[in-house]
PDB file of N, CA and C in Angstrom:
ATOM      1  N   MET A   1     152.584  81.993  98.690  1.00  0.00           N
ATOM      2  CA  MET A   1     151.640  81.904  97.824  1.00  0.00           C
ATOM      3  C   MET A   1     150.168  81.926  98.918  1.00  0.00           C
ATOM      4  N   THR A   2     150.496  81.078  99.129  1.00  0.00           N
ATOM      5  CA  THR A   2     149.434  80.653 101.046  1.00  0.00           C
ATOM      6  C   THR A   2     148.936  81.887 101.689  1.00  0.00           C
ATOM      7  N   LEU A   3     150.247  82.428 101.735  1.00  0.00           N
ATOM      8  CA  LEU A   3     149.959  84.122 102.251  1.00  0.00           C
ATOM      9  C   LEU A   3     148.940  84.875 101.540  1.00  0.00           C
ATOM     10  N   LEU A   4     149.342  85.152 100.518  1.00  0.00           N
ATOM     11  CA  LEU A   4     147.834  85.334  99.491  1.00  0.00           C
ATOM     12  C   LEU A   4     146.661  84.923  99.725  1.00  0.00           C
ATOM     13  N   TRP A   5     146.479  83.762  98.967  1.00  0.00           N
ATOM     14  CA  TRP A   5     145.175  83.674  99.593  1.00  0.00           C
ATOM     15  C   TRP A   5     144.429  83.120 101.112  1.00  0.00           C
ATOM     16  N   VAL A   6     145.542  83.653 101.873  1.00  0.00           N
ATOM     17  CA  VAL A   6     145.128  83.761 103.268  1.00  0.00           C
ATOM     18  C   VAL A   6     144.455  85.019 103.352  1.00  0.00           C
ATOM     19  N   SER A   7     145.239  85.889 102.944  1.00  0.00           N
ATOM     20  CA  SER A   7     144.990  87.499 103.020  1.00  0.00           C
ATOM     21  C   SER A   7     143.735  87.577 102.668  1.00  0.00           C
ATOM     22  N   ILE A   8     143.608  87.014 101.035  1.00  0.00           N
ATOM     23  CA  ILE A   8     141.776  87.631  99.926  1.00  0.00           C
ATOM     24  C   ILE A   8     141.049  86.862 100.897  1.00  0.00           C
ATOM     25  N   SER A   9     141.246  85.759 101.254  1.00  0.00           N
ATOM     26  CA  SER A   9     139.925  85.463 102.384  1.00  0.00           C
ATOM     27  C   SER A   9     139.412  86.362 103.199  1.00  0.00           C
ATOM     28  N   ILE A  10     140.975  86.900 104.259  1.00  0.00           N
ATOM     29  CA  ILE A  10     139.896  87.274 104.835  1.00  0.00           C
ATOM     30  C   ILE A  10     139.906  89.145 104.893  1.00  0.00           C
ATOM     31  N   ILE A  11     139.895  89.312 104.160  1.00  0.00           N
ATOM     32  CA  ILE A  11     139.231  91.024 103.448  1.00  0.00           C
ATOM     33  C   ILE A  11     138.386  90.204 102.877  1.00  0.00           C
ATOM     34  N   LEU A  12     137.678  89.645 102.657  1.00  0.00           N
ATOM     35  CA  LEU A  12     136.817  88.711 101.527  1.00  0.00           C
ATOM     36  C   LEU A  12     135.479  88.803 102.872  1.00  0.00           C
ATOM     37  N   ALA A  13     136.061  88.205 103.863  1.00  0.00           N
ATOM     38  CA  ALA A  13     135.213  87.471 105.026  1.00  0.00           C
ATOM     39  C   ALA A  13     135.281  88.694 106.014  1.00  0.00           C
ATOM     40  N   LEU A  14     136.140  90.079 106.230  1.00  0.00           N
ATOM     41  CA  LEU A  14     135.354  91.186 106.915  1.00  0.00           C
ATOM     42  C   LEU A  14     134.300  92.177 105.416  1.00  0.00           C
ATOM     43  N   ASN A  15     134.778  91.489 104.452  1.00  0.00           N
ATOM     44  CA  ASN A  15     134.104  93.332 103.586  1.00  0.00           C
ATOM     45  C   ASN A  15     132.299  92.198 103.597  1.00  0.00           C
ATOM     46  N   SER A  16     132.403  90.799 103.760  1.00  0.00           N
ATOM     47  CA  SER A  16     130.594  89.847 104.195  1.00  0.00           C
ATOM     48  C   SER A  16     130.438  90.417 104.955  1.00  0.00           C
ATOM     49  N   ILE A  17     130.904  90.789 106.488  1.00  0.00           N
ATOM     50  CA  ILE A  17     130.684  90.573 108.065  1.00  0.00           C
ATOM     51  C   ILE A  17     130.156  92.486 107.665  1.00  0.00           C
ATOM     52  N   TRP A  18     130.623  93.377 106.893  1.00  0.00           N
ATOM     53  CA  TRP A  18     130.318  95.384 106.808  1.00  0.00           C
ATOM     54  C   TRP A  18     129.128  94.956 105.676  1.00  0.00           C
ATOM     55  N   LEU A  19     129.008  94.097 104.976  1.00  0.00           N
ATOM     56  CA  LEU A  19     128.147  94.100 103.536  1.00  0.00           C
ATOM     57  C   LEU A  19     126.815  93.985 104.787  1.00  0.00           C
ATOM     58  N   LEU A  20     126.723  92.676 105.153  1.00  0.00           N
ATOM     59  CA  LEU A  20     125.448  92.377 106.297  1.00  0.00           C
ATOM     60  C   LEU A  20     125.449  93.344 107.559  1.00  0.00           C
ATOM     61  N   LYS A  21     126.497  93.855 107.673  1.00  0.00           N
ATOM     62  CA  LYS A  21     125.748  94.839 109.118  1.00  0.00           C
ATOM     63  C   LYS A  21     124.687  96.279 108.289  1.00  0.00           C
ATOM     64  N   VAL A  22     125.666  96.557 107.025  1.00  0.00           N
ATOM     65  CA  VAL A  22     124.843  97.104 106.210  1.00  0.00           C
ATOM     66  C   VAL A  22     123.005  96.873 106.304  1.00  0.00           C
ATOM     67  N   ASN A  23     123.360  96.027 105.435  1.00  0.00           N
ATOM     68  CA  ASN A  23     121.876  95.467 104.693  1.00  0.00           C
ATOM     69  C   ASN A  23     120.905  95.563 106.162  1.00  0.00           C
ATOM     70  N   LYS A  24     121.294  94.625 106.970  1.00  0.00           N
ATOM     71  CA  LYS A  24     120.623  95.160 108.905  1.00  0.00           C
ATOM     72  C   LYS A  24     120.291  96.829 108.780  1.00  0.00           C
ATOM     73  N   ASP A  25     120.969  97.417 108.847  1.00  0.00           N
ATOM     74  CA  ASP A  25     120.935  99.186 109.058  1.00  0.00           C
ATOM     75  C   ASP A  25     119.894  99.222 107.747  1.00  0.00           C
ATOM     76  N   LEU A  26     119.949  99.203 106.815  1.00  0.00           N
ATOM     77  CA  LEU A  26     119.082  98.901 105.553  1.00  0.00           C
ATOM     78  C   LEU A  26     117.546  98.887 105.756  1.00  0.00           C
ATOM     79  N   ALA A  27     117.660  97.582 106.352  1.00  0.00           N
ATOM     80  CA  ALA A  27     116.063  96.989 106.888  1.00  0.00           C
ATOM     81  C   ALA A  27     115.488  97.439 107.522  1.00  0.00           C
ATOM     82  N   ASN A  28     116.567  98.014 108.936  1.00  0.00           N
ATOM     83  CA  ASN A  28     115.778  98.675 109.894  1.00  0.00           C
ATOM     84  C   ASN A  28     114.917  99.375 109.899  1.00  0.00           C
ATOM     85  N   ARG A  29     115.799 100.295 108.769  1.00  0.00           N
ATOM     86  CA  ARG A  29     115.943 101.945 108.344  1.00  0.00           C
ATOM     87  C   ARG A  29     114.515 102.012 107.183  1.00  0.00           C
ATOM     88  N   ASN A  30     114.170 100.387 106.826  1.00  0.00           N
ATOM     89  CA  ASN A  30     112.694 100.643 105.682  1.00  0.00           C
ATOM     90  C   ASN A  30     111.907 100.395 106.604  1.00  0.00           C
ATOM     91  N   GLU A  31     112.022  99.571 107.912  1.00  0.00           N
ATOM     92  CA  GLU A  31     111.256  98.838 109.025  1.00  0.00           C
ATOM     93  C   GLU A  31     109.872 100.242 109.603  1.00  0.00           C
ATOM     94  N   TYR A  32     111.561 101.523 109.544  1.00  0.00           N
ATOM     95  CA  TYR A  32     111.046 102.391 110.352  1.00  0.00           C
ATOM     96  C   TYR A  32     110.071 103.368 109.389  1.00  0.00           C
ATOM     97  N   LEU A  33     110.943 103.504 107.933  1.00  0.00           N
ATOM     98  CA  LEU A  33     109.893 104.763 106.626  1.00  0.00           C
ATOM     99  C   LEU A  33     108.409 104.021 107.052  1.00  0.00           C
ATOM    100  N   ILE A  34     108.396 102.607 106.497  1.00  0.00           N
ATOM    101  CA  ILE A  34     107.484 102.025 106.753  1.00  0.00           C
ATOM    102  C   ILE A  34     106.202 102.216 107.450  1.00  0.00           C
ATOM    103  N   ARG A  35     106.106 101.957 108.829  1.00  0.00           N
ATOM    104  CA  ARG A  35     105.358 102.503 109.938  1.00  0.00           C
ATOM    105  C   ARG A  35     105.480 103.834 109.974  1.00  0.00           C
ATOM    106  N   GLN A  36     106.326 104.909 109.406  1.00  0.00           N
ATOM    107  CA  GLN A  36     106.102 106.348 109.416  1.00  0.00           C
ATOM    108  C   GLN A  36     104.662 107.107 108.006  1.00  0.00           C
ATOM    109  N   VAL A  37     105.141 106.221 107.110  1.00  0.00           N
ATOM    110  CA  VAL A  37     104.378 106.218 105.657  1.00  0.00           C
ATOM    111  C   VAL A  37     102.733 105.319 106.519  1.00  0.00           C
ATOM    112  N   GLU A  38     102.771 104.859 107.412  1.00  0.00           N
ATOM    113  CA  GLU A  38     101.250 104.190 108.091  1.00  0.00           C
ATOM    114  C   GLU A  38     100.350 105.048 108.833  1.00  0.00           C
ATOM    115  N   ALA A  39     101.636 105.795 109.261  1.00  0.00           N
ATOM    116  CA  ALA A  39     101.015 106.800 110.341  1.00  0.00           C
ATOM    117  C   ALA A  39     100.593 108.191 109.903  1.00  0.00           C
ATOM    118  N   ASN A  40     101.345 108.374 108.678  1.00  0.00           N
ATOM    119  CA  ASN A  40     101.313 109.971 108.736  1.00  0.00           C
ATOM    120  C   ASN A  40     100.082 109.591 107.386  1.00  0.00           C
ATOM    121  N   ARG A  41      99.690 108.280 106.843  1.00  0.00           N
ATOM    122  CA  ARG A  41      98.593 108.001 106.049  1.00  0.00           C
ATOM    123  C   ARG A  41      96.852 108.613 106.966  1.00  0.00           C
ATOM    124  N   HIS A  42      97.453 107.615 108.434  1.00  0.00           N
ATOM    125  CA  HIS A  42      96.222 107.351 108.685  1.00  0.00           C
ATOM    126  C   HIS A  42      95.614 109.451 109.795  1.00  0.00           C
ATOM    127  N   ASN A  43      97.013 109.918 110.193  1.00  0.00           N
ATOM    128  CA  ASN A  43      97.027 111.581 110.637  1.00  0.00           C
ATOM    129  C   ASN A  43      96.936 111.977 110.016  1.00  0.00           C
ATOM    130  N   SER A  44      97.311 112.329 108.768  1.00  0.00           N
ATOM    131  CA  SER A  44      97.810 113.557 108.185  1.00  0.00           C
ATOM    132  C   SER A  44      98.567 114.340 108.832  1.00  0.00           C
ATOM    133  N   GLY A  45      99.468 113.950 109.487  1.00  0.00           N
ATOM    134  CA  GLY A  45     100.490 114.412 110.107  1.00  0.00           C
ATOM    135  C   GLY A  45     102.354 113.514 109.754  1.00  0.00           C
ATOM    136  N   LEU A  46     103.051 114.649 110.262  1.00  0.00           N
ATOM    137  CA  LEU A  46     104.268 114.216 110.528  1.00  0.00           C
ATOM    138  C   LEU A  46     104.397 113.414 111.338  1.00  0.00           C
ATOM    139  N   ILE A  47     105.433 112.253 111.750  1.00  0.00           N
ATOM    140  CA  ILE A  47     105.689 111.295 113.122  1.00  0.00           C
ATOM    141  C   ILE A  47     106.696 111.609 113.034  1.00  0.00           C
ATOM    142  N   PHE A  48     107.288 111.610 113.906  1.00  0.00           N
ATOM    143  CA  PHE A  48     110.218 111.459 114.015  1.00  0.00           C
ATOM    144  C   PHE A  48     109.686 110.422 114.433  1.00  0.00           C
ATOM    145  N   GLU A  49     108.873 109.673 115.435  1.00  0.00           N
ATOM    146  CA  GLU A  49     109.491 108.620 116.366  1.00  0.00           C
ATOM    147  C   GLU A  49     108.959 107.090 115.773  1.00  0.00           C
ATOM    148  N   PRO A  50     109.760 105.928 115.213  1.00  0.00           N
ATOM    149  CA  PRO A  50     109.227 105.204 115.011  1.00  0.00           C
ATOM    150  C   PRO A  50     107.411 104.578 115.951  1.00  0.00           C
ATOM    151  N   MET A  51     106.493 103.844 115.527  1.00  0.00           N
ATOM    152  CA  MET A  51     105.796 103.220 116.771  1.00  0.00           C
ATOM    153  C   MET A  51     106.100 102.096 116.796  1.00  0.00           C
ATOM    154  N   SER A  52     105.500 101.546 118.455  1.00  0.00           N
ATOM    155  CA  SER A  52     105.998 101.112 118.486  1.00  0.00           C
ATOM    156  C   SER A  52     104.641  99.764 117.702  1.00  0.00           C
ATOM    157  N   ASP A  53     104.821  98.152 118.350  1.00  0.00           N
ATOM    158  CA  ASP A  53     103.911  97.165 117.677  1.00  0.00           C
ATOM    159  C   ASP A  53     102.767  97.438 118.048  1.00  0.00           C
ATOM    160  N   GLU A  54     102.579  97.618 119.292  1.00  0.00           N
ATOM    161  CA  GLU A  54     101.370  98.006 120.780  1.00  0.00           C
ATOM    162  C   GLU A  54     100.652  99.206 119.573  1.00  0.00           C
ATOM    163  N   GLN A  55     101.143 100.326 118.641  1.00  0.00           N
ATOM    164  CA  GLN A  55     100.418 101.223 118.509  1.00  0.00           C
ATOM    165  C   GLN A  55      99.891 100.745 117.245  1.00  0.00           C
ATOM    166  N   ILE A  56     100.878  99.904 116.408  1.00  0.00           N
ATOM    167  CA  ILE A  56     100.490  99.010 115.051  1.00  0.00           C
ATOM    168  C   ILE A  56      99.925  99.010 115.028  1.00  0.00           C
ATOM    169  N   ASN A  57      99.561  97.951 116.111  1.00  0.00           N
ATOM    170  CA  ASN A  57      98.367  97.188 116.112  1.00  0.00           C
ATOM    171  C   ASN A  57      96.505  98.176 116.470  1.00  0.00           C
ATOM    172  N   GLU A  58      96.947  99.030 117.072  1.00  0.00           N
ATOM    173  CA  GLU A  58      96.421  99.644 117.902  1.00  0.00           C
ATOM    174  C   GLU A  58      95.791 100.332 116.196  1.00  0.00           C
ATOM    175  N   LEU A  59      96.106 101.157 115.784  1.00  0.00           N
ATOM    176  CA  LEU A  59      95.576 101.719 114.250  1.00  0.00           C
ATOM    177  C   LEU A  59      94.857 100.205 113.153  1.00  0.00           C
ATOM    178  N   LYS A  60      96.407  99.413 113.465  1.00  0.00           N
ATOM    179  CA  LYS A  60      95.308  98.919 112.177  1.00  0.00           C
ATOM    180  C   LYS A  60      94.318  98.215 112.491  1.00  0.00           C
ATOM    181  N   LYS A  61      94.172  98.343 114.043  1.00  0.00           N
ATOM    182  CA  LYS A  61      92.365  97.954 114.160  1.00  0.00           C
ATOM    183  C   LYS A  61      91.457  98.915 113.826  1.00  0.00           C
ATOM    184  N   ALA A  62      92.185 100.624 114.062  1.00  0.00           N
ATOM    185  CA  ALA A  62      91.234 101.390 114.029  1.00  0.00           C
ATOM    186  C   ALA A  62      91.143 101.175 112.844  1.00  0.00           C
ATOM    187  N   TRP A  63      91.360 101.344 111.222  1.00  0.00           N
ATOM    188  CA  TRP A  63      91.646 101.270 110.831  1.00  0.00           C
ATOM    189  C   TRP A  63      90.977 100.234 109.640  1.00  0.00           C
ATOM    190  N   GLN A  64      90.549  98.980 110.674  1.00  0.00           N
ATOM    191  CA  GLN A  64      89.944  97.636 110.121  1.00  0.00           C
ATOM    192  C   GLN A  64      88.426  98.198 110.871  1.00  0.00           C
ATOM    193  N   ASP A  65      88.205  98.622 111.648  1.00  0.00           N
ATOM    194  CA  ASP A  65      86.774  99.303 112.522  1.00  0.00           C
ATOM    195  C   ASP A  65      86.198 100.555 111.160  1.00  0.00           C
ATOM    196  N   GLU A  66      87.075 101.338 110.918  1.00  0.00           N
ATOM    197  CA  GLU A  66      86.340 102.347 109.546  1.00  0.00           C
ATOM    198  C   GLU A  66      86.140 101.732 107.905  1.00  0.00           C
ATOM    199  N   MET A  67      86.672 100.715 107.816  1.00  0.00           N
ATOM    200  CA  MET A  67      86.797 100.049 106.773  1.00  0.00           C
ATOM    201  C   MET A  67      85.305  98.727 107.232  1.00  0.00           C
ATOM    202  N   ASP A  68      85.379  98.549 108.637  1.00  0.00           N
ATOM    203  CA  ASP A  68      83.868  97.281 108.782  1.00  0.00           C
ATOM    204  C   ASP A  68      82.114  98.768 108.444  1.00  0.00           C
ATOM    205  N   LYS A  69      82.895 100.108 108.888  1.00  0.00           N
ATOM    206  CA  LYS A  69      81.883 100.722 109.167  1.00  0.00           C
ATOM    207  C   LYS A  69      81.765 101.656 107.443  1.00  0.00           C
ATOM    208  N   ASP A  70      82.418 102.049 106.981  1.00  0.00           N
ATOM    209  CA  ASP A  70      81.989 101.708 105.167  1.00  0.00           C
ATOM    210  C   ASP A  70      81.678 100.843 105.298  1.00  0.00           C
ATOM    211  N   THR A  71      81.557  99.536 105.161  1.00  0.00           N
ATOM    212  CA  THR A  71      81.037  98.554 104.227  1.00  0.00           C
ATOM    213  C   THR A  71      79.578  98.620 104.990  1.00  0.00           C
ATOM    214  N   ASP A  72      79.330  98.313 106.083  1.00  0.00           N
ATOM    215  CA  ASP A  72      78.212  98.522 106.483  1.00  0.00           C
ATOM    216  C   ASP A  72      77.451  99.301 105.907  1.00  0.00           C
ATOM    217  N   ASN A  73      77.693 101.018 105.281  1.00  0.00           N
ATOM    218  CA  ASN A  73      76.921 102.029 105.288  1.00  0.00           C
ATOM    219  C   ASN A  73      76.552 101.321 103.760  1.00  0.00           C
ATOM    220  N   LYS A  74      78.046 100.900 103.375  1.00  0.00           N
ATOM    221  CA  LYS A  74      77.213 100.978 101.175  1.00  0.00           C
ATOM    222  C   LYS A  74      76.628 100.215 101.233  1.00  0.00           C
ATOM    223  N   GLU A  75      76.166  99.012 102.320  1.00  0.00           N
ATOM    224  CA  GLU A  75      74.901  97.705 102.228  1.00  0.00           C
ATOM    225  C   GLU A  75      73.946  98.231 102.444  1.00  0.00           C
ATOM    226  N   ASP A  76      73.770  99.305 103.596  1.00  0.00           N
ATOM    227  CA  ASP A  76      72.111 100.076 103.264  1.00  0.00           C
ATOM    228  C   ASP A  76      71.192 100.462 101.992  1.00  0.00           C
TER     229      ASP A  76
END
């Protein structure tokens, strides 16, 4: 009976490890797709490589500058 419980515990542990890996892969893929969508919105084109954090920060700064310009024009 003890062997049965040990076997079940090992199977559940392996299943949990596999699910953690799948979850991490999905989270990484999700982050990649979000970066791709953000870049496509700005560039109206396709980007096949993920963006680095520096590129994302530059893109956010450019968007902020555009929004600031739009806000300044509306106040006139």
